N, C-alpha and C. Protein backbone atom coordinates (compact mmCIF):
# COMPACT_ATOMS: atom_id res chain seq x y z
N MET A 1 0.73 -1.09 -0.26
CA MET A 1 -0.20 0.38 0.13
C MET A 1 0.73 1.58 -0.01
N ARG A 2 0.59 2.40 -0.72
CA ARG A 2 1.36 3.80 -0.99
C ARG A 2 0.78 4.41 -0.54
N LYS A 3 1.75 5.17 0.48
CA LYS A 3 1.35 6.40 1.28
C LYS A 3 1.12 7.78 0.57
N LYS A 4 -0.11 8.46 1.30
CA LYS A 4 0.23 9.75 0.33
C LYS A 4 0.75 10.49 0.69
N GLN A 5 1.80 11.40 -0.65
CA GLN A 5 2.34 12.27 -0.79
C GLN A 5 2.27 13.72 -0.68
N GLY A 6 0.86 14.15 -0.60
CA GLY A 6 0.62 15.28 -1.06
C GLY A 6 -0.94 15.92 -1.16
N PHE A 7 -0.98 16.76 -1.72
CA PHE A 7 -2.76 17.03 -2.34
C PHE A 7 -3.01 16.71 -3.47
N THR A 8 -4.29 16.13 -3.64
CA THR A 8 -4.73 16.41 -5.27
C THR A 8 -5.06 17.58 -5.87
N LEU A 9 -4.79 17.56 -7.25
CA LEU A 9 -5.75 18.76 -7.78
C LEU A 9 -7.19 18.73 -7.24
N LEU A 10 -7.56 18.15 -7.27
CA LEU A 10 -9.12 18.31 -6.83
C LEU A 10 -9.06 18.96 -5.79
N GLU A 11 -8.47 18.73 -4.34
CA GLU A 11 -8.19 18.89 -3.28
C GLU A 11 -7.86 20.59 -3.32
N ILE A 12 -6.99 20.94 -4.11
CA ILE A 12 -6.23 21.48 -4.13
C ILE A 12 -7.44 22.98 -4.77
N VAL A 13 -8.23 22.43 -5.54
CA VAL A 13 -9.15 23.50 -6.14
C VAL A 13 -10.20 23.89 -5.29
N ILE A 14 -10.38 23.02 -4.57
CA ILE A 14 -11.31 23.09 -3.67
C ILE A 14 -11.30 24.15 -2.50
N ALA A 15 -9.97 24.11 -2.22
CA ALA A 15 -9.26 24.91 -1.17
C ALA A 15 -9.41 26.18 -1.66
N LEU A 16 -8.85 26.32 -3.07
CA LEU A 16 -8.92 27.98 -3.57
C LEU A 16 -10.34 28.52 -3.66
N ALA A 17 -10.96 27.65 -4.42
CA ALA A 17 -12.64 28.03 -4.41
C ALA A 17 -13.36 28.65 -2.83
N ILE A 18 -12.79 27.94 -1.79
CA ILE A 18 -13.59 28.48 -0.73
C ILE A 18 -12.63 29.87 0.19
N LEU A 19 -11.09 29.61 -0.23
CA LEU A 19 -10.37 30.98 -0.23
C LEU A 19 -10.95 31.99 -0.67
N ALA A 20 -11.43 31.86 -1.92
CA ALA A 20 -11.85 32.85 -2.99
C ALA A 20 -13.42 33.35 -2.35
N ILE A 21 -14.04 32.54 -2.11
CA ILE A 21 -14.79 33.20 -1.71
C ILE A 21 -15.15 33.97 -0.41
N GLY A 22 -14.31 33.24 0.68
CA GLY A 22 -13.98 34.13 1.67
C GLY A 22 -13.31 35.54 1.50
N LEU A 23 -12.44 35.25 0.94
CA LEU A 23 -11.82 36.92 0.17
C LEU A 23 -12.74 38.00 -0.40
N VAL A 24 -13.46 37.03 -1.33
CA VAL A 24 -14.42 38.24 -1.88
C VAL A 24 -15.88 38.64 -1.02
N GLY A 25 -15.46 38.13 0.22
CA GLY A 25 -17.11 38.22 1.25
C GLY A 25 -16.02 39.40 2.28
N ILE A 26 -14.43 39.23 2.16
CA ILE A 26 -14.11 39.98 3.57
C ILE A 26 -13.90 41.45 2.73
N LEU A 27 -13.53 41.86 1.46
CA LEU A 27 -13.55 42.56 0.41
C LEU A 27 -14.90 43.35 0.37
N SER A 28 -15.62 43.09 0.63
CA SER A 28 -16.98 43.15 0.04
C SER A 28 -17.32 44.43 1.31
N LEU A 29 -17.14 44.11 2.32
CA LEU A 29 -17.08 44.79 3.85
C LEU A 29 -16.22 46.43 3.16
N PHE A 30 -15.05 45.79 2.62
CA PHE A 30 -14.56 47.62 2.88
C PHE A 30 -15.35 48.76 2.40
N PRO A 31 -16.50 49.03 1.09
CA PRO A 31 -16.78 49.83 1.10
C PRO A 31 -17.89 50.47 1.79
N VAL A 32 -18.27 49.37 2.43
CA VAL A 32 -19.97 49.68 3.72
C VAL A 32 -18.63 50.26 4.75
N GLY A 33 -17.61 50.17 5.12
CA GLY A 33 -16.53 50.80 6.23
C GLY A 33 -16.54 52.07 5.73
N PHE A 34 -16.26 52.30 4.55
CA PHE A 34 -15.74 53.62 4.32
C PHE A 34 -17.10 54.53 4.36
N GLU A 35 -17.77 54.16 3.69
CA GLU A 35 -19.28 54.80 3.90
C GLU A 35 -19.35 55.32 5.13
N ALA A 36 -19.41 54.17 6.19
CA ALA A 36 -19.74 54.89 7.29
C ALA A 36 -18.76 55.70 8.23
N SER A 37 -17.37 55.11 7.61
CA SER A 37 -16.59 56.51 8.09
C SER A 37 -16.86 57.85 7.95
N ARG A 38 -17.36 58.13 6.50
CA ARG A 38 -17.52 59.14 5.77
C ARG A 38 -18.46 59.97 6.57
N ARG A 39 -19.82 58.90 6.45
CA ARG A 39 -21.16 59.69 7.60
C ARG A 39 -21.02 59.91 8.57
N ALA A 40 -20.18 59.48 9.38
CA ALA A 40 -19.79 59.52 10.93
C ALA A 40 -18.82 61.05 11.06
N SER A 41 -17.88 61.00 9.94
CA SER A 41 -16.85 62.37 10.03
C SER A 41 -17.91 63.69 9.56
N MET A 42 -18.67 63.39 8.52
CA MET A 42 -19.86 64.52 8.13
C MET A 42 -20.76 65.05 9.58
N LEU A 43 -20.65 64.23 10.52
CA LEU A 43 -21.95 64.04 11.73
C LEU A 43 -20.78 64.95 12.74
N THR A 44 -19.80 64.60 12.59
CA THR A 44 -18.48 65.36 13.90
C THR A 44 -18.76 66.43 13.38
N GLU A 45 -18.22 66.50 11.99
CA GLU A 45 -18.10 68.03 11.64
C GLU A 45 -18.98 69.11 12.19
N ALA A 46 -20.39 68.18 12.00
CA ALA A 46 -21.62 69.54 12.28
C ALA A 46 -21.92 69.44 13.54
N THR A 47 -21.77 68.16 14.02
CA THR A 47 -21.75 68.84 15.61
C THR A 47 -20.72 69.67 16.06
N ILE A 48 -19.27 69.72 15.90
CA ILE A 48 -18.58 70.17 16.02
C ILE A 48 -18.67 71.68 16.16
N HIS A 49 -19.29 72.20 14.79
CA HIS A 49 -19.74 73.93 13.85
C HIS A 49 -21.15 73.91 14.90
N ALA A 50 -21.94 72.66 15.70
CA ALA A 50 -22.76 73.83 16.19
C ALA A 50 -22.42 73.94 17.29
N GLN A 51 -21.74 73.13 18.54
CA GLN A 51 -20.88 73.64 19.81
C GLN A 51 -20.64 75.26 19.51
N GLN A 52 -19.87 75.14 18.25
CA GLN A 52 -18.70 76.54 17.64
C GLN A 52 -20.57 77.61 18.24
N LYS A 53 -21.12 77.40 16.91
CA LYS A 53 -22.12 78.48 17.13
C LYS A 53 -23.08 78.93 18.43
N MET A 54 -23.34 77.18 18.92
CA MET A 54 -23.92 77.60 20.37
C MET A 54 -23.02 78.26 21.02
N GLU A 55 -21.32 78.26 21.72
CA GLU A 55 -20.96 79.08 22.23
C GLU A 55 -20.90 80.49 22.08
N GLU A 56 -21.31 80.77 20.84
CA GLU A 56 -21.75 82.10 20.16
C GLU A 56 -22.47 82.59 20.61
N PHE A 57 -23.69 82.20 20.42
CA PHE A 57 -24.86 82.51 21.35
C PHE A 57 -24.51 82.71 22.74
N LYS A 58 -24.26 81.95 23.18
CA LYS A 58 -24.00 81.96 24.86
C LYS A 58 -23.42 83.25 25.17
N ARG A 59 -22.20 83.35 24.04
CA ARG A 59 -21.42 84.77 24.68
C ARG A 59 -22.10 86.07 24.53
N ILE A 60 -23.38 85.99 23.57
CA ILE A 60 -23.78 87.23 23.14
C ILE A 60 -25.36 87.54 24.52
N GLY A 61 -25.65 86.31 25.05
CA GLY A 61 -26.06 86.40 25.94
C GLY A 61 -27.67 86.85 26.14
N TYR A 62 -28.37 86.64 26.94
CA TYR A 62 -29.96 86.35 26.72
C TYR A 62 -30.44 87.67 26.46
N ASP A 63 -30.05 89.32 26.91
CA ASP A 63 -29.99 90.43 26.09
C ASP A 63 -29.43 90.91 24.72
N GLY A 64 -28.90 90.14 24.07
CA GLY A 64 -28.41 90.31 22.96
C GLY A 64 -29.18 89.21 22.03
N LEU A 65 -30.15 88.61 22.40
CA LEU A 65 -30.74 87.33 21.44
C LEU A 65 -32.01 87.92 21.24
N PHE A 66 -32.82 88.26 20.37
CA PHE A 66 -33.95 88.14 19.90
C PHE A 66 -34.23 87.46 19.19
N ASP A 67 -36.41 87.14 19.48
CA ASP A 67 -36.70 86.11 19.29
C ASP A 67 -37.19 86.78 17.92
N THR A 68 -36.44 85.87 16.49
CA THR A 68 -36.30 85.75 15.43
C THR A 68 -35.91 84.64 14.92
N ASN A 69 -36.49 84.24 13.45
CA ASN A 69 -35.49 83.17 12.72
C ASN A 69 -34.03 84.22 12.34
N TYR A 70 -33.15 83.73 12.63
CA TYR A 70 -31.86 84.42 12.11
C TYR A 70 -31.70 83.73 10.52
N ALA A 71 -30.57 84.76 9.81
CA ALA A 71 -30.90 83.72 8.55
C ALA A 71 -29.81 82.97 8.45
N ALA A 72 -30.23 81.87 7.34
CA ALA A 72 -29.37 81.06 7.04
C ALA A 72 -27.94 81.07 6.54
N PHE A 73 -27.17 80.54 7.36
CA PHE A 73 -25.44 80.50 7.19
C PHE A 73 -25.23 79.27 6.22
N SER A 74 -23.97 79.64 5.59
CA SER A 74 -23.35 78.42 5.16
C SER A 74 -21.58 78.34 4.93
N ASP A 75 -20.79 77.67 4.97
CA ASP A 75 -19.78 77.88 5.01
C ASP A 75 -18.88 76.78 3.69
N ASN A 76 -17.92 76.80 3.74
CA ASN A 76 -17.23 75.91 2.94
C ASN A 76 -16.91 74.99 2.74
N SER A 77 -17.37 73.98 3.80
CA SER A 77 -17.78 72.68 4.46
C SER A 77 -18.93 71.61 4.25
N GLY A 78 -19.38 72.60 3.15
CA GLY A 78 -20.96 71.88 2.87
C GLY A 78 -21.64 72.05 3.79
N LEU A 79 -21.65 72.64 4.80
CA LEU A 79 -22.98 72.58 5.88
C LEU A 79 -23.53 73.98 5.89
N GLU A 80 -25.18 73.79 6.16
CA GLU A 80 -25.87 75.12 6.48
C GLU A 80 -26.43 74.90 7.50
N TRP A 81 -26.68 75.97 8.43
CA TRP A 81 -27.45 75.97 9.29
C TRP A 81 -28.39 77.25 9.76
N LYS A 82 -29.19 76.97 10.27
CA LYS A 82 -29.92 78.27 10.52
C LYS A 82 -30.77 77.84 11.97
N VAL A 83 -30.65 79.14 12.58
CA VAL A 83 -30.54 79.68 14.42
C VAL A 83 -32.15 80.17 14.24
N THR A 84 -33.07 79.98 15.23
CA THR A 84 -34.30 79.89 15.74
C THR A 84 -34.24 80.50 17.17
N VAL A 85 -34.32 81.67 17.49
CA VAL A 85 -34.36 82.10 19.09
C VAL A 85 -35.80 82.02 19.42
N VAL A 86 -36.41 81.95 20.39
CA VAL A 86 -37.58 81.52 21.27
C VAL A 86 -37.72 82.54 22.27
N GLU A 87 -38.49 83.12 23.47
CA GLU A 87 -38.19 82.98 24.67
C GLU A 87 -39.61 82.31 25.25
N ILE A 88 -39.36 81.39 26.02
CA ILE A 88 -40.16 80.36 26.18
C ILE A 88 -40.92 80.29 27.65
N ASP A 89 -40.10 81.64 28.48
CA ASP A 89 -40.92 81.81 29.82
C ASP A 89 -41.48 83.02 29.78
N PRO A 90 -42.83 82.80 29.89
CA PRO A 90 -43.56 83.84 29.95
C PRO A 90 -43.07 84.71 31.21
N LEU A 91 -42.16 84.97 32.18
CA LEU A 91 -42.04 86.11 32.65
C LEU A 91 -40.92 86.62 31.91
N GLY A 92 -40.12 86.39 31.08
CA GLY A 92 -39.19 86.69 30.31
C GLY A 92 -38.05 86.54 30.85
N ASN A 93 -37.57 85.15 31.15
CA ASN A 93 -36.07 84.74 31.76
C ASN A 93 -35.53 83.53 31.42
N LEU A 94 -36.12 83.18 30.01
CA LEU A 94 -35.63 81.72 29.11
C LEU A 94 -35.41 82.09 28.03
N LYS A 95 -34.46 81.76 27.11
CA LYS A 95 -34.74 81.85 26.09
C LYS A 95 -33.87 80.56 25.52
N SER A 96 -34.77 79.77 24.60
CA SER A 96 -34.41 79.03 23.41
C SER A 96 -33.69 79.02 22.12
N VAL A 97 -32.88 78.08 22.06
CA VAL A 97 -31.98 78.66 21.14
C VAL A 97 -32.01 77.20 20.25
N THR A 98 -32.49 76.78 18.70
CA THR A 98 -32.40 75.65 17.93
C THR A 98 -31.36 76.02 17.16
N LEU A 99 -30.37 75.25 16.82
CA LEU A 99 -29.98 75.45 15.53
C LEU A 99 -29.60 74.00 15.08
N ASP A 100 -30.12 74.37 13.59
CA ASP A 100 -30.37 72.79 12.47
C ASP A 100 -29.42 73.27 11.42
N ILE A 101 -28.79 71.73 11.61
CA ILE A 101 -27.83 72.17 10.65
C ILE A 101 -28.13 71.02 9.58
N GLN A 102 -27.51 71.27 8.20
CA GLN A 102 -27.69 70.53 6.88
C GLN A 102 -26.59 70.11 6.31
N TRP A 103 -26.40 69.07 5.73
CA TRP A 103 -25.91 68.60 4.62
C TRP A 103 -26.32 67.83 3.85
N GLN A 104 -25.70 67.54 2.42
CA GLN A 104 -25.70 67.01 1.39
C GLN A 104 -25.20 65.98 1.39
N GLU A 105 -26.09 64.48 1.55
CA GLU A 105 -24.81 62.84 1.50
C GLU A 105 -25.90 62.45 0.84
N LYS A 106 -24.74 62.03 -0.93
CA LYS A 106 -25.54 60.67 -1.50
C LYS A 106 -26.66 61.45 -2.24
N GLY A 107 -26.99 62.45 -2.35
CA GLY A 107 -28.30 63.16 -3.29
C GLY A 107 -29.44 63.05 -1.92
N ASP A 108 -28.93 62.87 -0.96
CA ASP A 108 -30.05 63.06 0.17
C ASP A 108 -29.71 64.04 1.53
N ASN A 109 -30.63 64.77 2.09
CA ASN A 109 -30.52 65.97 2.67
C ASN A 109 -30.54 65.25 4.20
N LYS A 110 -29.23 65.37 4.67
CA LYS A 110 -29.33 65.03 6.06
C LYS A 110 -29.20 66.31 6.74
N SER A 111 -30.18 65.81 8.25
CA SER A 111 -29.90 67.10 9.20
C SER A 111 -29.55 66.52 10.67
N GLU A 112 -28.86 67.83 11.44
CA GLU A 112 -29.55 67.49 12.62
C GLU A 112 -29.47 68.80 13.53
N THR A 113 -30.14 68.77 14.73
CA THR A 113 -31.57 69.54 15.43
C THR A 113 -30.50 69.78 16.77
N PHE A 114 -30.16 70.84 17.73
CA PHE A 114 -29.23 70.97 18.47
C PHE A 114 -30.10 72.64 19.58
N VAL A 115 -29.99 71.69 20.64
CA VAL A 115 -31.23 73.03 21.33
C VAL A 115 -30.14 73.71 22.59
N THR A 116 -29.98 74.39 22.77
CA THR A 116 -29.43 75.35 24.47
C THR A 116 -30.14 75.95 24.63
N TYR A 117 -30.73 76.19 26.27
CA TYR A 117 -31.22 77.31 26.87
C TYR A 117 -30.75 78.33 27.84
N ILE A 118 -30.68 79.28 27.28
CA ILE A 118 -30.30 81.09 27.78
C ILE A 118 -31.09 81.43 28.65
N ALA A 119 -30.72 81.49 30.17
CA ALA A 119 -31.46 82.03 31.29
C ALA A 119 -30.85 83.82 31.16
N LYS A 120 -31.78 84.73 31.86
CA LYS A 120 -31.19 85.92 32.14
C LYS A 120 -30.50 86.31 33.05
C-alpha cells in the first residue's frame, strides 16, 4: 500500500474556491466601512460647528438674543445651518436657541437639530 505524498488537484481547487469566496466576502465589507466612516465624519463636523455656534450665542447672552429666525448660514464645509431663538418663559427669563444643521449626503438631505437654553 502506497502512502499519500501530497494533495490532489481536486483538493487544491476546492481549497482555492473556499479561499476566494471568503476573500470576496471580506473585501465587500470595505466599501461599507468607508461609507460609515464618511458619514461619521460629516456628523462629527456638524456637531463641532453646532457647538461653536452655540458658544457664540451663549457669549451674546440673553439680552443680545432676539426672538426671531436668524438667516441661514453656510460655509465651505458643505454645511448649512439655521438658528431660531424663542422666548419660552412667560416671565422673560429663558430663551431657547435651536440650531438646525443640514448637509448633502449621496443626494439626500441630512440634518441634525441642537437646542440650548439661555437664562437671563
